[in-house]
PDB file of N, CA and C in Angstrom:
ATOM      1  N   MET A   1      90.060 112.157 107.272  1.00  0.00           N
ATOM      2  CA  MET A   1      91.495 112.236 107.034  1.00  0.00           C
ATOM      3  C   MET A   1      91.841 113.661 106.616  1.00  0.00           C
ATOM      4  N   ARG A   2      92.779 114.256 107.327  1.00  0.00           N
ATOM      5  CA  ARG A   2      93.240 115.606 107.004  1.00  0.00           C
ATOM      6  C   ARG A   2      94.339 115.518 105.955  1.00  0.00           C
ATOM      7  N   ASP A   3      94.361 116.498 105.046  1.00  0.00           N
ATOM      8  CA  ASP A   3      95.367 116.511 103.984  1.00  0.00           C
ATOM      9  C   ASP A   3      96.784 116.679 104.507  1.00  0.00           C
ATOM     10  N   ASP A   4      96.941 117.347 105.673  1.00  0.00           N
ATOM     11  CA  ASP A   4      98.281 117.583 106.199  1.00  0.00           C
ATOM     12  C   ASP A   4      98.709 116.501 107.193  1.00  0.00           C
ATOM     13  N   GLU A   5      97.912 115.456 107.324  1.00  0.00           N
ATOM     14  CA  GLU A   5      98.212 114.370 108.248  1.00  0.00           C
ATOM     15  C   GLU A   5      99.404 113.560 107.750  1.00  0.00           C
ATOM     16  N   LEU A   6     100.302 113.204 108.662  1.00  0.00           N
ATOM     17  CA  LEU A   6     101.450 112.355 108.335  1.00  0.00           C
ATOM     18  C   LEU A   6     101.199 110.966 108.909  1.00  0.00           C
ATOM     19  N   LEU A   7     101.308 109.962 108.059  1.00  0.00           N
ATOM     20  CA  LEU A   7     101.023 108.589 108.461  1.00  0.00           C
ATOM     21  C   LEU A   7     102.306 107.798 108.657  1.00  0.00           C
ATOM     22  N   THR A   8     102.265 106.870 109.597  1.00  0.00           N
ATOM     23  CA  THR A   8     103.373 105.937 109.766  1.00  0.00           C
ATOM     24  C   THR A   8     103.259 104.865 108.688  1.00  0.00           C
ATOM     25  N   VAL A   9     104.302 104.074 108.539  1.00  0.00           N
ATOM     26  CA  VAL A   9     104.277 102.986 107.562  1.00  0.00           C
ATOM     27  C   VAL A   9     103.128 102.017 107.852  1.00  0.00           C
ATOM     28  N   PRO A  10     102.937 101.564 109.102  1.00  0.00           N
ATOM     29  CA  PRO A  10     101.802 100.660 109.360  1.00  0.00           C
ATOM     30  C   PRO A  10     100.436 101.302 109.062  1.00  0.00           C
ATOM     31  N   GLU A  11     100.289 102.590 109.323  1.00  0.00           N
ATOM     32  CA  GLU A  11      99.028 103.266 109.015  1.00  0.00           C
ATOM     33  C   GLU A  11      98.785 103.322 107.514  1.00  0.00           C
ATOM     34  N   ALA A  12      99.823 103.630 106.745  1.00  0.00           N
ATOM     35  CA  ALA A  12      99.693 103.673 105.284  1.00  0.00           C
ATOM     36  C   ALA A  12      99.406 102.282 104.730  1.00  0.00           C
ATOM     37  N   MET A  13     100.055 101.266 105.290  1.00  0.00           N
ATOM     38  CA  MET A  13      99.795  99.893 104.872  1.00  0.00           C
ATOM     39  C   MET A  13      98.332  99.533 105.090  1.00  0.00           C
ATOM     40  N   ALA A  14      97.809  99.906 106.243  1.00  0.00           N
ATOM     41  CA  ALA A  14      96.417  99.588 106.569  1.00  0.00           C
ATOM     42  C   ALA A  14      95.448 100.320 105.640  1.00  0.00           C
ATOM     43  N   ARG A  15      95.736 101.573 105.343  1.00  0.00           N
ATOM     44  CA  ARG A  15      94.829 102.339 104.479  1.00  0.00           C
ATOM     45  C   ARG A  15      94.830 101.824 103.051  1.00  0.00           C
ATOM     46  N   LEU A  16      95.996 101.392 102.564  1.00  0.00           N
ATOM     47  CA  LEU A  16      96.072 100.852 101.208  1.00  0.00           C
ATOM     48  C   LEU A  16      95.769  99.354 101.158  1.00  0.00           C
ATOM     49  N   LYS A  17      95.739  98.734 102.336  1.00  0.00           N
ATOM     50  CA  LYS A  17      95.513  97.292 102.449  1.00  0.00           C
ATOM     51  C   LYS A  17      96.558  96.502 101.651  1.00  0.00           C
ATOM     52  N   ILE A  18      97.829  96.866 101.874  1.00  0.00           N
ATOM     53  CA  ILE A  18      98.948  96.175 101.246  1.00  0.00           C
ATOM     54  C   ILE A  18      99.964  95.827 102.326  1.00  0.00           C
ATOM     55  N   GLY A  19     100.894  94.961 101.987  1.00  0.00           N
ATOM     56  CA  GLY A  19     101.927  94.540 102.925  1.00  0.00           C
ATOM     57  C   GLY A  19     103.083  95.520 103.003  1.00  0.00           C
ATOM     58  N   ARG A  20     103.945  95.264 103.968  1.00  0.00           N
ATOM     59  CA  ARG A  20     105.099  96.122 104.219  1.00  0.00           C
ATOM     60  C   ARG A  20     106.036  96.181 103.005  1.00  0.00           C
ATOM     61  N   SER A  21     106.333  95.038 102.415  1.00  0.00           N
ATOM     62  CA  SER A  21     107.231  95.003 101.257  1.00  0.00           C
ATOM     63  C   SER A  21     106.661  95.792 100.087  1.00  0.00           C
ATOM     64  N   ALA A  22     105.362  95.652  99.852  1.00  0.00           N
ATOM     65  CA  ALA A  22     104.719  96.377  98.751  1.00  0.00           C
ATOM     66  C   ALA A  22     104.780  97.880  98.993  1.00  0.00           C
ATOM     67  N   LEU A  23     104.552  98.306 100.238  1.00  0.00           N
ATOM     68  CA  LEU A  23     104.600  99.738 100.544  1.00  0.00           C
ATOM     69  C   LEU A  23     106.018 100.272 100.362  1.00  0.00           C
ATOM     70  N   TYR A  24     107.007  99.559 100.887  1.00  0.00           N
ATOM     71  CA  TYR A  24     108.387 100.020 100.737  1.00  0.00           C
ATOM     72  C   TYR A  24     108.818 100.024  99.266  1.00  0.00           C
ATOM     73  N   ASP A  25     108.261  99.120  98.450  1.00  0.00           N
ATOM     74  CA  ASP A  25     108.552  99.135  97.016  1.00  0.00           C
ATOM     75  C   ASP A  25     108.001 100.416  96.392  1.00  0.00           C
ATOM     76  N   LEU A  26     106.791 100.822  96.773  1.00  0.00           N
ATOM     77  CA  LEU A  26     106.214 102.078  96.272  1.00  0.00           C
ATOM     78  C   LEU A  26     107.074 103.271  96.686  1.00  0.00           C
ATOM     79  N   LEU A  27     107.571 103.251  97.913  1.00  0.00           N
ATOM     80  CA  LEU A  27     108.410 104.349  98.404  1.00  0.00           C
ATOM     81  C   LEU A  27     109.768 104.353  97.690  1.00  0.00           C
ATOM     82  N   ARG A  28     110.363 103.164  97.528  1.00  0.00           N
ATOM     83  CA  ARG A  28     111.680 103.049  96.896  1.00  0.00           C
ATOM     84  C   ARG A  28     111.647 103.528  95.449  1.00  0.00           C
ATOM     85  N   THR A  29     110.572 103.219  94.736  1.00  0.00           N
ATOM     86  CA  THR A  29     110.456 103.604  93.327  1.00  0.00           C
ATOM     87  C   THR A  29     109.842 104.985  93.156  1.00  0.00           C
ATOM     88  N   ARG A  30     109.580 105.657  94.262  1.00  0.00           N
ATOM     89  CA  ARG A  30     109.037 107.025  94.282  1.00  0.00           C
ATOM     90  C   ARG A  30     107.661 107.150  93.637  1.00  0.00           C
ATOM     91  N   ARG A  31     106.916 106.045  93.626  1.00  0.00           N
ATOM     92  CA  ARG A  31     105.527 106.118  93.166  1.00  0.00           C
ATOM     93  C   ARG A  31     104.641 106.646  94.275  1.00  0.00           C
ATOM     94  N   LEU A  32     105.150 106.602  95.513  1.00  0.00           N
ATOM     95  CA  LEU A  32     104.452 107.142  96.677  1.00  0.00           C
ATOM     96  C   LEU A  32     105.426 108.058  97.411  1.00  0.00           C
ATOM     97  N   ALA A  33     105.013 109.295  97.603  1.00  0.00           N
ATOM     98  CA  ALA A  33     105.880 110.289  98.249  1.00  0.00           C
ATOM     99  C   ALA A  33     105.963 110.035  99.757  1.00  0.00           C
ATOM    100  N   SER A  34     107.111 110.363 100.320  1.00  0.00           N
ATOM    101  CA  SER A  34     107.294 110.245 101.770  1.00  0.00           C
ATOM    102  C   SER A  34     108.381 111.205 102.203  1.00  0.00           C
ATOM    103  N   LEU A  35     108.513 111.338 103.509  1.00  0.00           N
ATOM    104  CA  LEU A  35     109.602 112.136 104.065  1.00  0.00           C
ATOM    105  C   LEU A  35     110.150 111.429 105.277  1.00  0.00           C
ATOM    106  N   THR A  36     111.375 111.741 105.596  1.00  0.00           N
ATOM    107  CA  THR A  36     112.031 111.137 106.742  1.00  0.00           C
ATOM    108  C   THR A  36     112.280 112.214 107.780  1.00  0.00           C
ATOM    109  N   ILE A  37     111.844 111.928 108.990  1.00  0.00           N
ATOM    110  CA  ILE A  37     112.064 112.828 110.121  1.00  0.00           C
ATOM    111  C   ILE A  37     112.919 112.035 111.113  1.00  0.00           C
ATOM    112  N   GLY A  38     114.188 112.415 111.196  1.00  0.00           N
ATOM    113  CA  GLY A  38     115.112 111.607 111.994  1.00  0.00           C
ATOM    114  C   GLY A  38     115.249 110.255 111.327  1.00  0.00           C
ATOM    115  N   ARG A  39     114.879 109.199 112.047  1.00  0.00           N
ATOM    116  CA  ARG A  39     114.910 107.851 111.477  1.00  0.00           C
ATOM    117  C   ARG A  39     113.516 107.356 111.107  1.00  0.00           C
ATOM    118  N   ALA A  40     112.515 108.205 111.308  1.00  0.00           N
ATOM    119  CA  ALA A  40     111.125 107.802 111.076  1.00  0.00           C
ATOM    120  C   ALA A  40     110.657 108.188 109.675  1.00  0.00           C
ATOM    121  N   ARG A  41     110.066 107.246 108.975  1.00  0.00           N
ATOM    122  CA  ARG A  41     109.498 107.494 107.639  1.00  0.00           C
ATOM    123  C   ARG A  41     108.038 107.866 107.834  1.00  0.00           C
ATOM    124  N   ARG A  42     107.611 108.942 107.179  1.00  0.00           N
ATOM    125  CA  ARG A  42     106.212 109.391 107.250  1.00  0.00           C
ATOM    126  C   ARG A  42     105.690 109.613 105.843  1.00  0.00           C
ATOM    127  N   ILE A  43     104.424 109.252 105.651  1.00  0.00           N
ATOM    128  CA  ILE A  43     103.768 109.386 104.352  1.00  0.00           C
ATOM    129  C   ILE A  43     102.635 110.393 104.503  1.00  0.00           C
ATOM    130  N   PRO A  44     102.676 111.506 103.764  1.00  0.00           N
ATOM    131  CA  PRO A  44     101.575 112.472 103.836  1.00  0.00           C
ATOM    132  C   PRO A  44     100.277 111.831 103.337  1.00  0.00           C
ATOM    133  N   ALA A  45      99.178 112.103 104.025  1.00  0.00           N
ATOM    134  CA  ALA A  45      97.879 111.528 103.644  1.00  0.00           C
ATOM    135  C   ALA A  45      97.520 111.911 102.216  1.00  0.00           C
ATOM    136  N   HIS A  46      97.850 113.131 101.810  1.00  0.00           N
ATOM    137  CA  HIS A  46      97.520 113.549 100.441  1.00  0.00           C
ATOM    138  C   HIS A  46      98.289 112.731  99.415  1.00  0.00           C
ATOM    139  N   ALA A  47      99.480 112.215  99.775  1.00  0.00           N
ATOM    140  CA  ALA A  47     100.254 111.381  98.857  1.00  0.00           C
ATOM    141  C   ALA A  47      99.527 110.064  98.587  1.00  0.00           C
ATOM    142  N   LEU A  48      98.854 109.526  99.612  1.00  0.00           N
ATOM    143  CA  LEU A  48      98.069 108.306  99.399  1.00  0.00           C
ATOM    144  C   LEU A  48      96.910 108.584  98.455  1.00  0.00           C
ATOM    145  N   ALA A  49      96.218 109.694  98.685  1.00  0.00           N
ATOM    146  CA  ALA A  49      95.085 110.056  97.829  1.00  0.00           C
ATOM    147  C   ALA A  49      95.555 110.277  96.391  1.00  0.00           C
ATOM    148  N   ASP A  50      96.693 110.943  96.212  1.00  0.00           N
ATOM    149  CA  ASP A  50      97.241 111.177  94.868  1.00  0.00           C
ATOM    150  C   ASP A  50      97.605 109.861  94.190  1.00  0.00           C
ATOM    151  N   TYR A  51      98.216 108.953  94.940  1.00  0.00           N
ATOM    152  CA  TYR A  51      98.602 107.652  94.385  1.00  0.00           C
ATOM    153  C   TYR A  51      97.364 106.885  93.917  1.00  0.00           C
ATOM    154  N   VAL A  52      96.341 106.841  94.749  1.00  0.00           N
ATOM    155  CA  VAL A  52      95.111 106.124  94.396  1.00  0.00           C
ATOM    156  C   VAL A  52      94.474 106.760  93.163  1.00  0.00           C
ATOM    157  N   GLN A  53      94.415 108.082  93.113  1.00  0.00           N
ATOM    158  CA  GLN A  53      93.817 108.773  91.969  1.00  0.00           C
ATOM    159  C   GLN A  53      94.581 108.465  90.676  1.00  0.00           C
ATOM    160  N   ARG A  54      95.918 108.512  90.721  1.00  0.00           N
ATOM    161  CA  ARG A  54      96.731 108.188  89.546  1.00  0.00           C
ATOM    162  C   ARG A  54      96.495 106.753  89.095  1.00  0.00           C
ATOM    163  N   HIS A  55      96.425 105.858  90.072  1.00  0.00           N
ATOM    164  CA  HIS A  55      96.218 104.442  89.774  1.00  0.00           C
ATOM    165  C   HIS A  55      94.854 104.226  89.101  1.00  0.00           C
ATOM    166  N   LEU A  56      93.838 104.924  89.584  1.00  0.00           N
ATOM    167  CA  LEU A  56      92.509 104.819  88.983  1.00  0.00           C
ATOM    168  C   LEU A  56      92.482 105.380  87.563  1.00  0.00           C
ATOM    169  N   GLU A  57      93.168 106.501  87.357  1.00  0.00           N
ATOM    170  CA  GLU A  57      93.215 107.109  86.024  1.00  0.00           C
ATOM    171  C   GLU A  57      93.936 106.213  85.019  1.00  0.00           C
ATOM    172  N   GLU A  58      95.001 105.539  85.468  1.00  0.00           N
ATOM    173  CA  GLU A  58      95.733 104.643  84.589  1.00  0.00           C
ATOM    174  C   GLU A  58      94.894 103.421  84.213  1.00  0.00           C
ATOM    175  N   ALA A  59      94.039 102.983  85.135  1.00  0.00           N
ATOM    176  CA  ALA A  59      93.211 101.802  84.894  1.00  0.00           C
ATOM    177  C   ALA A  59      92.030 102.115  83.974  1.00  0.00           C
ATOM    178  N   ALA A  60      91.680 103.382  83.864  1.00  0.00           N
ATOM    179  CA  ALA A  60      90.503 103.754  83.051  1.00  0.00           C
ATOM    180  C   ALA A  60      90.801 103.758  81.571  1.00  0.00           C
TER     181      ALA A  60
END
């Protein structure tokens, strides 16, 4: 996975192994960064890694 890679919503869902509603909740509450290009929502791969790292640190 490249740090500058932009993922679609289904790709991000698959990598996090969560459903569509859960992913959109993360995006809506800004716990997961994203950008919109036209009408397409994209999630930077590094944002997923940052989210997972924060989640692990909070659990420790």
